[in-house]
Amino acid sequence: MRLLMVSLCVACIPAFSQSRESQDEIHLRVLNQVRESVEIARSIAAHQSFQLPASALGPTAMVRAREFVKTDGYTVRLKGVEVITDSIIVYADELTYWWATGAVEPSGNVRLRPIPQ
């Protein structure tokens, strides 16, 4: 019986260490989001363009915004946004960036202007 109990305890050790790793991964993800949020807010305050991390817009898309509204761990909301890609410029009253997917959602008064190639 004791051997069975010891075997079960030893078998559970990897499961506990995995849950600890996932907690560490969560903390690292949140820390990175905070750092990236601070960089975005600094760029906005300095009236500079910036890139959204891992954005679905592509590696060359640049963003300018008038105001950093908030971040809640799932999204970042910006106001007075201009997104410049290789082929189009998007103007929007607000933009929501989703951390998990890199997707962006413009809202409010949204205008598109193609860039001639």
N, C-alpha and C. Protein backbone atom coordinates (compact mmCIF):
# COMPACT_ATOMS: atom_id res chain seq x y z
N MET A 1 0.82 -1.18 0.00
CA MET A 1 0.00 0.00 0.00
C MET A 1 0.88 1.26 0.00
N ARG A 2 1.93 1.23 0.84
CA ARG A 2 2.82 2.38 0.88
C ARG A 2 3.51 2.58 -0.47
N LEU A 3 3.89 1.49 -1.10
CA LEU A 3 4.54 1.57 -2.39
C LEU A 3 3.61 2.21 -3.41
N LEU A 4 2.32 1.87 -3.36
CA LEU A 4 1.34 2.46 -4.26
C LEU A 4 1.21 3.97 -4.00
N MET A 5 1.17 4.38 -2.76
CA MET A 5 1.06 5.80 -2.41
C MET A 5 2.29 6.58 -2.88
N VAL A 6 3.47 6.00 -2.66
CA VAL A 6 4.70 6.66 -3.09
C VAL A 6 4.72 6.76 -4.61
N SER A 7 4.30 5.72 -5.29
CA SER A 7 4.26 5.72 -6.76
C SER A 7 3.33 6.81 -7.27
N LEU A 8 2.17 6.96 -6.63
CA LEU A 8 1.23 7.99 -7.04
C LEU A 8 1.81 9.39 -6.81
N CYS A 9 2.48 9.57 -5.71
CA CYS A 9 3.09 10.87 -5.42
C CYS A 9 4.16 11.22 -6.45
N VAL A 10 5.00 10.24 -6.75
CA VAL A 10 6.06 10.46 -7.74
C VAL A 10 5.45 10.72 -9.11
N ALA A 11 4.39 10.03 -9.45
CA ALA A 11 3.73 10.22 -10.75
C ALA A 11 3.10 11.61 -10.86
N CYS A 12 2.70 12.20 -9.76
CA CYS A 12 2.06 13.52 -9.77
C CYS A 12 3.05 14.67 -9.82
N ILE A 13 4.30 14.44 -9.53
CA ILE A 13 5.29 15.51 -9.50
C ILE A 13 5.34 16.26 -10.84
N PRO A 14 5.40 15.59 -12.00
CA PRO A 14 5.43 16.34 -13.25
C PRO A 14 4.19 17.22 -13.45
N ALA A 15 3.04 16.75 -13.01
CA ALA A 15 1.81 17.53 -13.17
C ALA A 15 1.89 18.82 -12.37
N PHE A 16 2.43 18.76 -11.16
CA PHE A 16 2.54 19.97 -10.35
C PHE A 16 3.57 20.93 -10.93
N SER A 17 4.68 20.42 -11.43
CA SER A 17 5.69 21.30 -11.99
C SER A 17 5.17 21.96 -13.27
N GLN A 18 4.33 21.27 -14.05
CA GLN A 18 3.76 21.87 -15.25
C GLN A 18 2.83 23.02 -14.89
N SER A 19 2.03 22.86 -13.85
CA SER A 19 1.14 23.94 -13.49
C SER A 19 1.96 25.14 -13.01
N ARG A 20 3.08 24.92 -12.38
CA ARG A 20 3.96 26.02 -11.96
C ARG A 20 4.53 26.71 -13.17
N GLU A 21 4.94 25.95 -14.17
CA GLU A 21 5.46 26.55 -15.39
C GLU A 21 4.39 27.38 -16.08
N SER A 22 3.17 26.91 -16.10
CA SER A 22 2.12 27.68 -16.76
C SER A 22 1.87 28.98 -16.01
N GLN A 23 1.99 28.97 -14.69
CA GLN A 23 1.86 30.21 -13.93
C GLN A 23 2.99 31.17 -14.29
N ASP A 24 4.20 30.63 -14.42
CA ASP A 24 5.34 31.46 -14.82
C ASP A 24 5.12 32.03 -16.21
N GLU A 25 4.59 31.22 -17.11
CA GLU A 25 4.32 31.70 -18.47
C GLU A 25 3.26 32.80 -18.46
N ILE A 26 2.25 32.65 -17.63
CA ILE A 26 1.23 33.69 -17.51
C ILE A 26 1.84 34.98 -17.00
N HIS A 27 2.65 34.89 -15.98
CA HIS A 27 3.29 36.08 -15.42
C HIS A 27 4.20 36.75 -16.45
N LEU A 28 4.92 35.95 -17.23
CA LEU A 28 5.80 36.49 -18.26
C LEU A 28 4.98 37.19 -19.35
N ARG A 29 3.88 36.58 -19.75
CA ARG A 29 3.01 37.18 -20.76
C ARG A 29 2.46 38.51 -20.28
N VAL A 30 1.99 38.55 -19.04
CA VAL A 30 1.44 39.78 -18.48
C VAL A 30 2.53 40.85 -18.37
N LEU A 31 3.71 40.46 -17.94
CA LEU A 31 4.82 41.40 -17.84
C LEU A 31 5.16 41.98 -19.21
N ASN A 32 5.20 41.15 -20.23
CA ASN A 32 5.47 41.63 -21.58
C ASN A 32 4.37 42.57 -22.06
N GLN A 33 3.12 42.26 -21.74
CA GLN A 33 2.02 43.14 -22.13
C GLN A 33 2.13 44.49 -21.44
N VAL A 34 2.53 44.49 -20.19
CA VAL A 34 2.70 45.75 -19.47
C VAL A 34 3.82 46.56 -20.11
N ARG A 35 4.94 45.92 -20.40
CA ARG A 35 6.07 46.61 -21.04
C ARG A 35 5.64 47.20 -22.39
N GLU A 36 4.97 46.38 -23.20
CA GLU A 36 4.54 46.85 -24.51
C GLU A 36 3.51 47.97 -24.40
N SER A 37 2.61 47.88 -23.41
CA SER A 37 1.63 48.94 -23.18
C SER A 37 2.32 50.25 -22.81
N VAL A 38 3.34 50.17 -21.97
CA VAL A 38 4.09 51.37 -21.58
C VAL A 38 4.77 51.99 -22.80
N GLU A 39 5.36 51.15 -23.64
CA GLU A 39 6.02 51.66 -24.85
C GLU A 39 5.01 52.32 -25.79
N ILE A 40 3.84 51.72 -25.94
CA ILE A 40 2.78 52.31 -26.77
C ILE A 40 2.37 53.66 -26.20
N ALA A 41 2.13 53.71 -24.89
CA ALA A 41 1.72 54.96 -24.24
C ALA A 41 2.80 56.04 -24.39
N ARG A 42 4.07 55.66 -24.27
CA ARG A 42 5.16 56.63 -24.45
C ARG A 42 5.19 57.17 -25.88
N SER A 43 5.02 56.28 -26.85
CA SER A 43 5.01 56.71 -28.25
C SER A 43 3.86 57.67 -28.51
N ILE A 44 2.70 57.38 -27.95
CA ILE A 44 1.55 58.26 -28.13
C ILE A 44 1.82 59.62 -27.49
N ALA A 45 2.37 59.63 -26.29
CA ALA A 45 2.67 60.88 -25.60
C ALA A 45 3.69 61.72 -26.37
N ALA A 46 4.61 61.05 -27.08
CA ALA A 46 5.64 61.75 -27.86
C ALA A 46 5.19 62.02 -29.30
N HIS A 47 3.93 61.69 -29.61
CA HIS A 47 3.37 61.88 -30.96
C HIS A 47 4.18 61.12 -32.01
N GLN A 48 4.58 59.90 -31.67
CA GLN A 48 5.37 59.07 -32.57
C GLN A 48 4.56 57.87 -33.03
N SER A 49 4.90 57.36 -34.21
CA SER A 49 4.29 56.13 -34.72
C SER A 49 4.89 54.95 -33.97
N PHE A 50 4.15 53.85 -33.94
CA PHE A 50 4.61 52.63 -33.29
C PHE A 50 3.99 51.44 -33.99
N GLN A 51 4.52 50.26 -33.71
CA GLN A 51 3.97 49.01 -34.23
C GLN A 51 3.26 48.28 -33.11
N LEU A 52 2.14 47.65 -33.46
CA LEU A 52 1.45 46.80 -32.49
C LEU A 52 2.15 45.44 -32.49
N PRO A 53 2.44 44.88 -31.33
CA PRO A 53 3.17 43.60 -31.28
C PRO A 53 2.36 42.47 -31.89
N ALA A 54 3.01 41.67 -32.73
CA ALA A 54 2.39 40.47 -33.34
C ALA A 54 1.04 40.79 -33.96
N SER A 55 0.95 41.92 -34.62
CA SER A 55 -0.33 42.36 -35.17
C SER A 55 -0.67 41.64 -36.46
N ALA A 56 -1.94 41.43 -36.68
CA ALA A 56 -2.43 40.83 -37.92
C ALA A 56 -2.27 41.80 -39.09
N LEU A 57 -1.91 43.05 -38.79
CA LEU A 57 -1.73 44.05 -39.85
C LEU A 57 -0.46 43.84 -40.65
N GLY A 58 0.45 43.06 -40.14
CA GLY A 58 1.71 42.80 -40.84
C GLY A 58 2.87 43.53 -40.20
N PRO A 59 4.08 43.16 -40.61
CA PRO A 59 5.28 43.69 -39.95
C PRO A 59 5.60 45.14 -40.31
N THR A 60 5.01 45.67 -41.37
CA THR A 60 5.34 47.04 -41.76
C THR A 60 4.28 48.05 -41.35
N ALA A 61 3.18 47.61 -40.77
CA ALA A 61 2.10 48.52 -40.38
C ALA A 61 2.53 49.41 -39.22
N MET A 62 2.29 50.69 -39.37
CA MET A 62 2.60 51.66 -38.32
C MET A 62 1.31 52.28 -37.82
N VAL A 63 1.28 52.61 -36.55
CA VAL A 63 0.08 53.15 -35.91
C VAL A 63 0.43 54.48 -35.26
N ARG A 64 -0.48 55.42 -35.38
CA ARG A 64 -0.42 56.67 -34.61
C ARG A 64 -1.74 56.80 -33.88
N ALA A 65 -1.71 57.31 -32.68
CA ALA A 65 -2.94 57.48 -31.91
C ALA A 65 -2.86 58.76 -31.11
N ARG A 66 -4.01 59.33 -30.83
CA ARG A 66 -4.10 60.54 -30.04
C ARG A 66 -4.10 60.24 -28.55
N GLU A 67 -4.67 59.06 -28.18
CA GLU A 67 -4.84 58.76 -26.75
C GLU A 67 -4.79 57.27 -26.49
N PHE A 68 -4.10 56.90 -25.42
CA PHE A 68 -4.09 55.53 -24.91
C PHE A 68 -5.23 55.45 -23.90
N VAL A 69 -6.27 54.68 -24.21
CA VAL A 69 -7.44 54.64 -23.33
C VAL A 69 -7.21 53.71 -22.17
N LYS A 70 -6.95 52.41 -22.46
CA LYS A 70 -6.73 51.46 -21.37
C LYS A 70 -6.26 50.12 -21.92
N THR A 71 -5.78 49.30 -21.02
CA THR A 71 -5.51 47.90 -21.30
C THR A 71 -6.09 47.10 -20.15
N ASP A 72 -6.69 45.97 -20.47
CA ASP A 72 -7.31 45.15 -19.43
C ASP A 72 -6.74 43.74 -19.36
N GLY A 73 -5.61 43.51 -20.03
CA GLY A 73 -5.02 42.18 -20.05
C GLY A 73 -5.43 41.37 -21.26
N TYR A 74 -6.55 41.75 -21.87
CA TYR A 74 -7.03 41.07 -23.08
C TYR A 74 -6.92 41.98 -24.29
N THR A 75 -7.12 43.28 -24.08
CA THR A 75 -7.13 44.24 -25.17
C THR A 75 -6.40 45.51 -24.79
N VAL A 76 -6.07 46.29 -25.82
CA VAL A 76 -5.60 47.66 -25.65
C VAL A 76 -6.55 48.52 -26.47
N ARG A 77 -7.03 49.60 -25.87
CA ARG A 77 -7.92 50.52 -26.60
C ARG A 77 -7.21 51.84 -26.81
N LEU A 78 -7.27 52.32 -28.05
CA LEU A 78 -6.65 53.58 -28.43
C LEU A 78 -7.70 54.47 -29.07
N LYS A 79 -7.52 55.79 -28.97
CA LYS A 79 -8.43 56.74 -29.59
C LYS A 79 -7.69 57.61 -30.60
N GLY A 80 -8.45 58.08 -31.61
CA GLY A 80 -7.88 58.95 -32.63
C GLY A 80 -6.78 58.26 -33.39
N VAL A 81 -7.10 57.15 -34.05
CA VAL A 81 -6.10 56.24 -34.59
C VAL A 81 -5.93 56.38 -36.10
N GLU A 82 -4.68 56.26 -36.52
CA GLU A 82 -4.33 56.19 -37.94
C GLU A 82 -3.41 54.98 -38.10
N VAL A 83 -3.81 54.02 -38.93
CA VAL A 83 -3.00 52.83 -39.19
C VAL A 83 -2.54 52.89 -40.64
N ILE A 84 -1.23 52.83 -40.83
CA ILE A 84 -0.66 52.92 -42.17
C ILE A 84 -0.03 51.59 -42.52
N THR A 85 -0.55 50.95 -43.57
CA THR A 85 0.03 49.69 -44.08
C THR A 85 0.66 49.98 -45.44
N ASP A 86 1.14 48.94 -46.11
CA ASP A 86 1.73 49.12 -47.44
C ASP A 86 0.71 49.58 -48.48
N SER A 87 -0.56 49.23 -48.28
CA SER A 87 -1.55 49.49 -49.32
C SER A 87 -2.73 50.37 -48.91
N ILE A 88 -2.87 50.64 -47.61
CA ILE A 88 -4.05 51.38 -47.16
C ILE A 88 -3.76 52.15 -45.88
N ILE A 89 -4.49 53.25 -45.71
CA ILE A 89 -4.45 53.98 -44.45
C ILE A 89 -5.85 53.90 -43.86
N VAL A 90 -5.92 53.51 -42.59
CA VAL A 90 -7.20 53.39 -41.89
C VAL A 90 -7.23 54.47 -40.81
N TYR A 91 -8.28 55.29 -40.84
CA TYR A 91 -8.51 56.28 -39.80
C TYR A 91 -9.70 55.79 -38.98
N ALA A 92 -9.61 55.85 -37.67
CA ALA A 92 -10.71 55.39 -36.82
C ALA A 92 -10.77 56.21 -35.54
N ASP A 93 -11.99 56.40 -35.06
CA ASP A 93 -12.16 57.08 -33.77
C ASP A 93 -11.53 56.26 -32.65
N GLU A 94 -11.67 54.93 -32.74
CA GLU A 94 -11.13 54.04 -31.72
C GLU A 94 -10.61 52.77 -32.38
N LEU A 95 -9.64 52.16 -31.73
CA LEU A 95 -9.10 50.88 -32.20
C LEU A 95 -8.89 49.99 -30.99
N THR A 96 -9.35 48.75 -31.10
CA THR A 96 -9.12 47.75 -30.06
C THR A 96 -8.13 46.74 -30.60
N TYR A 97 -7.06 46.51 -29.88
CA TYR A 97 -6.04 45.51 -30.24
C TYR A 97 -6.17 44.35 -29.27
N TRP A 98 -6.30 43.14 -29.80
CA TRP A 98 -6.45 41.93 -28.98
C TRP A 98 -5.09 41.29 -28.81
N TRP A 99 -4.61 41.21 -27.55
CA TRP A 99 -3.29 40.65 -27.25
C TRP A 99 -3.15 39.21 -27.75
N ALA A 100 -4.14 38.37 -27.51
CA ALA A 100 -4.02 36.93 -27.78
C ALA A 100 -3.89 36.63 -29.27
N THR A 101 -4.60 37.37 -30.11
CA THR A 101 -4.65 37.05 -31.54
C THR A 101 -3.90 38.03 -32.42
N GLY A 102 -3.62 39.22 -31.91
CA GLY A 102 -2.99 40.25 -32.73
C GLY A 102 -3.99 40.95 -33.64
N ALA A 103 -5.26 40.63 -33.49
CA ALA A 103 -6.30 41.24 -34.32
C ALA A 103 -6.57 42.67 -33.88
N VAL A 104 -7.00 43.49 -34.82
CA VAL A 104 -7.37 44.87 -34.52
C VAL A 104 -8.80 45.09 -34.97
N GLU A 105 -9.51 45.92 -34.23
CA GLU A 105 -10.91 46.22 -34.53
C GLU A 105 -11.12 47.73 -34.47
N PRO A 106 -11.18 48.39 -35.65
CA PRO A 106 -11.47 49.82 -35.64
C PRO A 106 -12.95 50.04 -35.38
N SER A 107 -13.29 51.13 -34.71
CA SER A 107 -14.70 51.41 -34.44
C SER A 107 -14.94 52.91 -34.45
N GLY A 108 -16.22 53.28 -34.39
CA GLY A 108 -16.59 54.69 -34.49
C GLY A 108 -16.61 55.10 -35.94
N ASN A 109 -16.17 56.31 -36.22
CA ASN A 109 -16.08 56.80 -37.59
C ASN A 109 -14.81 56.23 -38.21
N VAL A 110 -14.96 55.25 -39.11
CA VAL A 110 -13.81 54.57 -39.73
C VAL A 110 -13.76 54.95 -41.21
N ARG A 111 -12.58 55.39 -41.65
CA ARG A 111 -12.38 55.76 -43.05
C ARG A 111 -11.16 55.01 -43.58
N LEU A 112 -11.24 54.63 -44.85
CA LEU A 112 -10.14 53.93 -45.51
C LEU A 112 -9.63 54.78 -46.67
N ARG A 113 -8.33 54.84 -46.83
CA ARG A 113 -7.76 55.53 -47.98
C ARG A 113 -6.69 54.65 -48.60
N PRO A 114 -6.92 54.19 -49.84
CA PRO A 114 -5.90 53.35 -50.49
C PRO A 114 -4.65 54.17 -50.79
N ILE A 115 -3.53 53.49 -50.75
CA ILE A 115 -2.25 54.12 -51.11
C ILE A 115 -1.92 53.66 -52.54
N PRO A 116 -1.80 54.59 -53.47
CA PRO A 116 -1.48 54.20 -54.85
C PRO A 116 -0.15 53.46 -54.91
N GLN A 117 -0.11 52.41 -55.69
CA GLN A 117 1.11 51.60 -55.82
C GLN A 117 1.91 52.05 -57.01
